[in-house]
Amino acid sequence: NFRSLRGYGWPGFTTMNLWRQDKGQAACASAFVDAIRLGRPAPIPFEELVEVTRTSFDIVDALA
């Protein structure tokens, strides 16, 4: 939820101002629908989804 980005420690980059917020949901949904419609692989591989889920559960367990 930002429209302004400040960078520190990156030579040549100070700020970036955005006119609108783009969180990528529309592009993600479009890629998913296109993959189904055109018979392409999923935009996010299943193995990556499983890995992220397991990592999330590991973090929850570590914090408990």
PDB file of N, CA and C in Angstrom:
ATOM      1  N   ASN A   1       0.827  -1.178   0.000  1.00  0.00           N
ATOM      2  CA  ASN A   1       0.000   0.000   0.000  1.00  0.00           C
ATOM      3  C   ASN A   1       0.876   1.247   0.000  1.00  0.00           C
ATOM      4  N   PHE A   2       1.574   1.434  -1.063  1.00  0.00           N
ATOM      5  CA  PHE A   2       2.437   2.599  -1.130  1.00  0.00           C
ATOM      6  C   PHE A   2       2.357   3.225  -2.513  1.00  0.00           C
ATOM      7  N   ARG A   3       2.660   4.489  -2.570  1.00  0.00           N
ATOM      8  CA  ARG A   3       2.758   5.199  -3.843  1.00  0.00           C
ATOM      9  C   ARG A   3       4.108   5.858  -4.001  1.00  0.00           C
ATOM     10  N   SER A   4       4.905   5.824  -2.967  1.00  0.00           N
ATOM     11  CA  SER A   4       6.236   6.409  -3.014  1.00  0.00           C
ATOM     12  C   SER A   4       7.225   5.396  -2.457  1.00  0.00           C
ATOM     13  N   LEU A   5       8.351   5.251  -3.140  1.00  0.00           N
ATOM     14  CA  LEU A   5       9.362   4.289  -2.735  1.00  0.00           C
ATOM     15  C   LEU A   5      10.685   5.019  -2.559  1.00  0.00           C
ATOM     16  N   ARG A   6      11.318   4.801  -1.441  1.00  0.00           N
ATOM     17  CA  ARG A   6      12.644   5.372  -1.189  1.00  0.00           C
ATOM     18  C   ARG A   6      13.645   4.243  -1.071  1.00  0.00           C
ATOM     19  N   GLY A   7      14.781   4.420  -1.701  1.00  0.00           N
ATOM     20  CA  GLY A   7      15.816   3.394  -1.652  1.00  0.00           C
ATOM     21  C   GLY A   7      17.047   3.911  -0.937  1.00  0.00           C
ATOM     22  N   TYR A   8      17.628   3.076  -0.136  1.00  0.00           N
ATOM     23  CA  TYR A   8      18.841   3.422   0.590  1.00  0.00           C
ATOM     24  C   TYR A   8      19.897   2.372   0.286  1.00  0.00           C
ATOM     25  N   GLY A   9      21.099   2.818  -0.004  1.00  0.00           N
ATOM     26  CA  GLY A   9      22.191   1.896  -0.254  1.00  0.00           C
ATOM     27  C   GLY A   9      22.257   1.392  -1.688  1.00  0.00           C
ATOM     28  N   TRP A  10      21.439   1.935  -2.571  1.00  0.00           N
ATOM     29  CA  TRP A  10      21.490   1.571  -3.984  1.00  0.00           C
ATOM     30  C   TRP A  10      22.005   2.767  -4.755  1.00  0.00           C
ATOM     31  N   PRO A  11      23.208   2.710  -5.269  1.00  0.00           N
ATOM     32  CA  PRO A  11      23.773   3.845  -6.011  1.00  0.00           C
ATOM     33  C   PRO A  11      22.876   4.245  -7.187  1.00  0.00           C
ATOM     34  N   GLY A  12      22.602   5.525  -7.288  1.00  0.00           N
ATOM     35  CA  GLY A  12      21.813   6.048  -8.391  1.00  0.00           C
ATOM     36  C   GLY A  12      20.309   5.984  -8.191  1.00  0.00           C
ATOM     37  N   PHE A  13      19.844   5.391  -7.091  1.00  0.00           N
ATOM     38  CA  PHE A  13      18.406   5.306  -6.843  1.00  0.00           C
ATOM     39  C   PHE A  13      18.086   6.020  -5.543  1.00  0.00           C
ATOM     40  N   THR A  14      17.162   6.969  -5.604  1.00  0.00           N
ATOM     41  CA  THR A  14      16.749   7.655  -4.384  1.00  0.00           C
ATOM     42  C   THR A  14      15.262   7.450  -4.119  1.00  0.00           C
ATOM     43  N   THR A  15      14.407   7.905  -5.054  1.00  0.00           N
ATOM     44  CA  THR A  15      12.966   7.748  -4.856  1.00  0.00           C
ATOM     45  C   THR A  15      12.278   7.383  -6.164  1.00  0.00           C
ATOM     46  N   MET A  16      11.092   6.809  -6.026  1.00  0.00           N
ATOM     47  CA  MET A  16      10.235   6.519  -7.172  1.00  0.00           C
ATOM     48  C   MET A  16       8.811   6.836  -6.743  1.00  0.00           C
ATOM     49  N   ASN A  17       8.154   7.706  -7.490  1.00  0.00           N
ATOM     50  CA  ASN A  17       6.768   8.051  -7.198  1.00  0.00           C
ATOM     51  C   ASN A  17       5.855   7.352  -8.193  1.00  0.00           C
ATOM     52  N   LEU A  18       4.820   6.704  -7.692  1.00  0.00           N
ATOM     53  CA  LEU A  18       3.880   5.971  -8.526  1.00  0.00           C
ATOM     54  C   LEU A  18       2.546   6.703  -8.536  1.00  0.00           C
ATOM     55  N   TRP A  19       1.897   6.736  -9.685  1.00  0.00           N
ATOM     56  CA  TRP A  19       0.618   7.431  -9.791  1.00  0.00           C
ATOM     57  C   TRP A  19      -0.528   6.601  -9.243  1.00  0.00           C
ATOM     58  N   ARG A  20      -0.371   5.293  -9.303  1.00  0.00           N
ATOM     59  CA  ARG A  20      -1.431   4.436  -8.773  1.00  0.00           C
ATOM     60  C   ARG A  20      -0.794   3.182  -8.191  1.00  0.00           C
ATOM     61  N   GLN A  21      -1.548   2.500  -7.379  1.00  0.00           N
ATOM     62  CA  GLN A  21      -1.065   1.268  -6.773  1.00  0.00           C
ATOM     63  C   GLN A  21      -1.373   0.105  -7.708  1.00  0.00           C
ATOM     64  N   ASP A  22      -0.383  -0.712  -7.971  1.00  0.00           N
ATOM     65  CA  ASP A  22      -0.586  -1.917  -8.769  1.00  0.00           C
ATOM     66  C   ASP A  22      -0.026  -3.078  -7.976  1.00  0.00           C
ATOM     67  N   LYS A  23      -0.914  -3.850  -7.379  1.00  0.00           N
ATOM     68  CA  LYS A  23      -0.478  -4.968  -6.547  1.00  0.00           C
ATOM     69  C   LYS A  23      -0.347  -6.255  -7.347  1.00  0.00           C
ATOM     70  N   GLY A  24      -0.701  -6.216  -8.622  1.00  0.00           N
ATOM     71  CA  GLY A  24      -0.496  -7.352  -9.499  1.00  0.00           C
ATOM     72  C   GLY A  24      -1.614  -8.370  -9.542  1.00  0.00           C
ATOM     73  N   GLN A  25      -2.734  -8.126  -8.855  1.00  0.00           N
ATOM     74  CA  GLN A  25      -3.804  -9.115  -8.841  1.00  0.00           C
ATOM     75  C   GLN A  25      -4.394  -9.337 -10.230  1.00  0.00           C
ATOM     76  N   ALA A  26      -4.606  -8.276 -10.990  1.00  0.00           N
ATOM     77  CA  ALA A  26      -5.204  -8.419 -12.324  1.00  0.00           C
ATOM     78  C   ALA A  26      -4.296  -9.225 -13.241  1.00  0.00           C
ATOM     79  N   ALA A  27      -3.002  -8.944 -13.217  1.00  0.00           N
ATOM     80  CA  ALA A  27      -2.056  -9.687 -14.054  1.00  0.00           C
ATOM     81  C   ALA A  27      -1.973 -11.143 -13.618  1.00  0.00           C
ATOM     82  N   CYS A  28      -2.024 -11.390 -12.329  1.00  0.00           N
ATOM     83  CA  CYS A  28      -1.975 -12.756 -11.803  1.00  0.00           C
ATOM     84  C   CYS A  28      -3.208 -13.545 -12.238  1.00  0.00           C
ATOM     85  N   ALA A  29      -4.380 -12.968 -12.092  1.00  0.00           N
ATOM     86  CA  ALA A  29      -5.614 -13.642 -12.500  1.00  0.00           C
ATOM     87  C   ALA A  29      -5.627 -13.884 -14.000  1.00  0.00           C
ATOM     88  N   SER A  30      -5.174 -12.910 -14.771  1.00  0.00           N
ATOM     89  CA  SER A  30      -5.121 -13.052 -16.224  1.00  0.00           C
ATOM     90  C   SER A  30      -4.176 -14.172 -16.645  1.00  0.00           C
ATOM     91  N   ALA A  31      -3.008 -14.251 -16.017  1.00  0.00           N
ATOM     92  CA  ALA A  31      -2.044 -15.313 -16.329  1.00  0.00           C
ATOM     93  C   ALA A  31      -2.622 -16.680 -15.983  1.00  0.00           C
ATOM     94  N   PHE A  32      -3.341 -16.775 -14.876  1.00  0.00           N
ATOM     95  CA  PHE A  32      -3.959 -18.036 -14.464  1.00  0.00           C
ATOM     96  C   PHE A  32      -5.026 -18.475 -15.466  1.00  0.00           C
ATOM     97  N   VAL A  33      -5.904 -17.555 -15.840  1.00  0.00           N
ATOM     98  CA  VAL A  33      -6.969 -17.872 -16.794  1.00  0.00           C
ATOM     99  C   VAL A  33      -6.378 -18.239 -18.151  1.00  0.00           C
ATOM    100  N   ASP A  34      -5.378 -17.494 -18.608  1.00  0.00           N
ATOM    101  CA  ASP A  34      -4.731 -17.807 -19.885  1.00  0.00           C
ATOM    102  C   ASP A  34      -4.090 -19.186 -19.861  1.00  0.00           C
ATOM    103  N   ALA A  35      -3.471 -19.546 -18.754  1.00  0.00           N
ATOM    104  CA  ALA A  35      -2.840 -20.864 -18.642  1.00  0.00           C
ATOM    105  C   ALA A  35      -3.881 -21.970 -18.780  1.00  0.00           C
ATOM    106  N   ILE A  36      -5.028 -21.798 -18.159  1.00  0.00           N
ATOM    107  CA  ILE A  36      -6.091 -22.800 -18.257  1.00  0.00           C
ATOM    108  C   ILE A  36      -6.656 -22.841 -19.676  1.00  0.00           C
ATOM    109  N   ARG A  37      -6.968 -21.673 -20.196  1.00  0.00           N
ATOM    110  CA  ARG A  37      -7.609 -21.601 -21.512  1.00  0.00           C
ATOM    111  C   ARG A  37      -6.702 -22.112 -22.631  1.00  0.00           C
ATOM    112  N   LEU A  38      -5.407 -21.809 -22.551  1.00  0.00           N
ATOM    113  CA  LEU A  38      -4.473 -22.167 -23.620  1.00  0.00           C
ATOM    114  C   LEU A  38      -3.701 -23.448 -23.343  1.00  0.00           C
ATOM    115  N   GLY A  39      -3.984 -24.089 -22.212  1.00  0.00           N
ATOM    116  CA  GLY A  39      -3.310 -25.342 -21.890  1.00  0.00           C
ATOM    117  C   GLY A  39      -1.842 -25.182 -21.543  1.00  0.00           C
ATOM    118  N   ARG A  40      -1.495 -24.048 -21.015  1.00  0.00           N
ATOM    119  CA  ARG A  40      -0.106 -23.772 -20.624  1.00  0.00           C
ATOM    120  C   ARG A  40       0.125 -24.192 -19.172  1.00  0.00           C
ATOM    121  N   PRO A  41       1.398 -24.266 -18.770  1.00  0.00           N
ATOM    122  CA  PRO A  41       1.681 -24.568 -17.358  1.00  0.00           C
ATOM    123  C   PRO A  41       1.168 -23.447 -16.449  1.00  0.00           C
ATOM    124  N   ALA A  42       0.919 -23.793 -15.213  1.00  0.00           N
ATOM    125  CA  ALA A  42       0.469 -22.799 -14.230  1.00  0.00           C
ATOM    126  C   ALA A  42       1.527 -21.712 -14.078  1.00  0.00           C
ATOM    127  N   PRO A  43       1.102 -20.455 -13.896  1.00  0.00           N
ATOM    128  CA  PRO A  43       2.067 -19.361 -13.744  1.00  0.00           C
ATOM    129  C   PRO A  43       2.961 -19.529 -12.515  1.00  0.00           C
ATOM    130  N   ILE A  44       2.429 -20.165 -11.474  1.00  0.00           N
ATOM    131  CA  ILE A  44       3.224 -20.466 -10.281  1.00  0.00           C
ATOM    132  C   ILE A  44       3.248 -21.983 -10.151  1.00  0.00           C
ATOM    133  N   PRO A  45       4.420 -22.589 -10.266  1.00  0.00           N
ATOM    134  CA  PRO A  45       4.492 -24.051 -10.199  1.00  0.00           C
ATOM    135  C   PRO A  45       3.946 -24.592  -8.875  1.00  0.00           C
ATOM    136  N   PHE A  46       3.290 -25.738  -8.941  1.00  0.00           N
ATOM    137  CA  PHE A  46       2.701 -26.363  -7.760  1.00  0.00           C
ATOM    138  C   PHE A  46       3.735 -26.562  -6.658  1.00  0.00           C
ATOM    139  N   GLU A  47       4.937 -26.993  -7.039  1.00  0.00           N
ATOM    140  CA  GLU A  47       5.992 -27.239  -6.051  1.00  0.00           C
ATOM    141  C   GLU A  47       6.330 -25.969  -5.268  1.00  0.00           C
ATOM    142  N   GLU A  48       6.290 -24.836  -5.944  1.00  0.00           N
ATOM    143  CA  GLU A  48       6.573 -23.567  -5.262  1.00  0.00           C
ATOM    144  C   GLU A  48       5.462 -23.218  -4.276  1.00  0.00           C
ATOM    145  N   LEU A  49       4.219 -23.483  -4.647  1.00  0.00           N
ATOM    146  CA  LEU A  49       3.102 -23.238  -3.731  1.00  0.00           C
ATOM    147  C   LEU A  49       3.224 -24.104  -2.483  1.00  0.00           C
ATOM    148  N   VAL A  50       3.591 -25.364  -2.667  1.00  0.00           N
ATOM    149  CA  VAL A  50       3.770 -26.273  -1.535  1.00  0.00           C
ATOM    150  C   VAL A  50       4.909 -25.789  -0.644  1.00  0.00           C
ATOM    151  N   GLU A  51       6.014 -25.368  -1.261  1.00  0.00           N
ATOM    152  CA  GLU A  51       7.167 -24.897  -0.486  1.00  0.00           C
ATOM    153  C   GLU A  51       6.817 -23.671   0.356  1.00  0.00           C
ATOM    154  N   VAL A  52       6.097 -22.740  -0.235  1.00  0.00           N
ATOM    155  CA  VAL A  52       5.707 -21.528   0.495  1.00  0.00           C
ATOM    156  C   VAL A  52       4.771 -21.878   1.649  1.00  0.00           C
ATOM    157  N   THR A  53       3.832 -22.790   1.402  1.00  0.00           N
ATOM    158  CA  THR A  53       2.905 -23.202   2.455  1.00  0.00           C
ATOM    159  C   THR A  53       3.645 -23.866   3.608  1.00  0.00           C
ATOM    160  N   ARG A  54       4.551 -24.783   3.284  1.00  0.00           N
ATOM    161  CA  ARG A  54       5.323 -25.455   4.342  1.00  0.00           C
ATOM    162  C   ARG A  54       6.165 -24.459   5.133  1.00  0.00           C
ATOM    163  N   THR A  55       6.783 -23.527   4.431  1.00  0.00           N
ATOM    164  CA  THR A  55       7.592 -22.513   5.111  1.00  0.00           C
ATOM    165  C   THR A  55       6.727 -21.673   6.044  1.00  0.00           C
ATOM    166  N   SER A  56       5.529 -21.312   5.591  1.00  0.00           N
ATOM    167  CA  SER A  56       4.615 -20.533   6.435  1.00  0.00           C
ATOM    168  C   SER A  56       4.252 -21.297   7.702  1.00  0.00           C
ATOM    169  N   PHE A  57       3.951 -22.589   7.560  1.00  0.00           N
ATOM    170  CA  PHE A  57       3.626 -23.404   8.735  1.00  0.00           C
ATOM    171  C   PHE A  57       4.832 -23.548   9.659  1.00  0.00           C
ATOM    172  N   ASP A  58       6.020 -23.683   9.087  1.00  0.00           N
ATOM    173  CA  ASP A  58       7.239 -23.766   9.908  1.00  0.00           C
ATOM    174  C   ASP A  58       7.440 -22.490  10.720  1.00  0.00           C
ATOM    175  N   ILE A  59       7.150 -21.351  10.116  1.00  0.00           N
ATOM    176  CA  ILE A  59       7.286 -20.071  10.824  1.00  0.00           C
ATOM    177  C   ILE A  59       6.273 -19.994  11.960  1.00  0.00           C
ATOM    178  N   VAL A  60       5.031 -20.383  11.686  1.00  0.00           N
ATOM    179  CA  VAL A  60       3.997 -20.376  12.732  1.00  0.00           C
ATOM    180  C   VAL A  60       4.415 -21.275  13.888  1.00  0.00           C
ATOM    181  N   ASP A  61       4.912 -22.472  13.574  1.00  0.00           N
ATOM    182  CA  ASP A  61       5.355 -23.395  14.626  1.00  0.00           C
ATOM    183  C   ASP A  61       6.518 -22.819  15.425  1.00  0.00           C
ATOM    184  N   ALA A  62       7.437 -22.141  14.747  1.00  0.00           N
ATOM    185  CA  ALA A  62       8.599 -21.568  15.428  1.00  0.00           C
ATOM    186  C   ALA A  62       8.200 -20.424  16.356  1.00  0.00           C
ATOM    187  N   LEU A  63       7.142 -19.714  16.014  1.00  0.00           N
ATOM    188  CA  LEU A  63       6.693 -18.590  16.829  1.00  0.00           C
ATOM    189  C   LEU A  63       5.793 -19.027  17.981  1.00  0.00           C
ATOM    190  N   ALA A  64       5.282 -20.231  17.920  1.00  0.00           N
ATOM    191  CA  ALA A  64       4.346 -20.706  18.950  1.00  0.00           C
ATOM    192  C   ALA A  64       5.071 -21.080  20.222  1.00  0.00           C
TER     193      ALA A  64
END
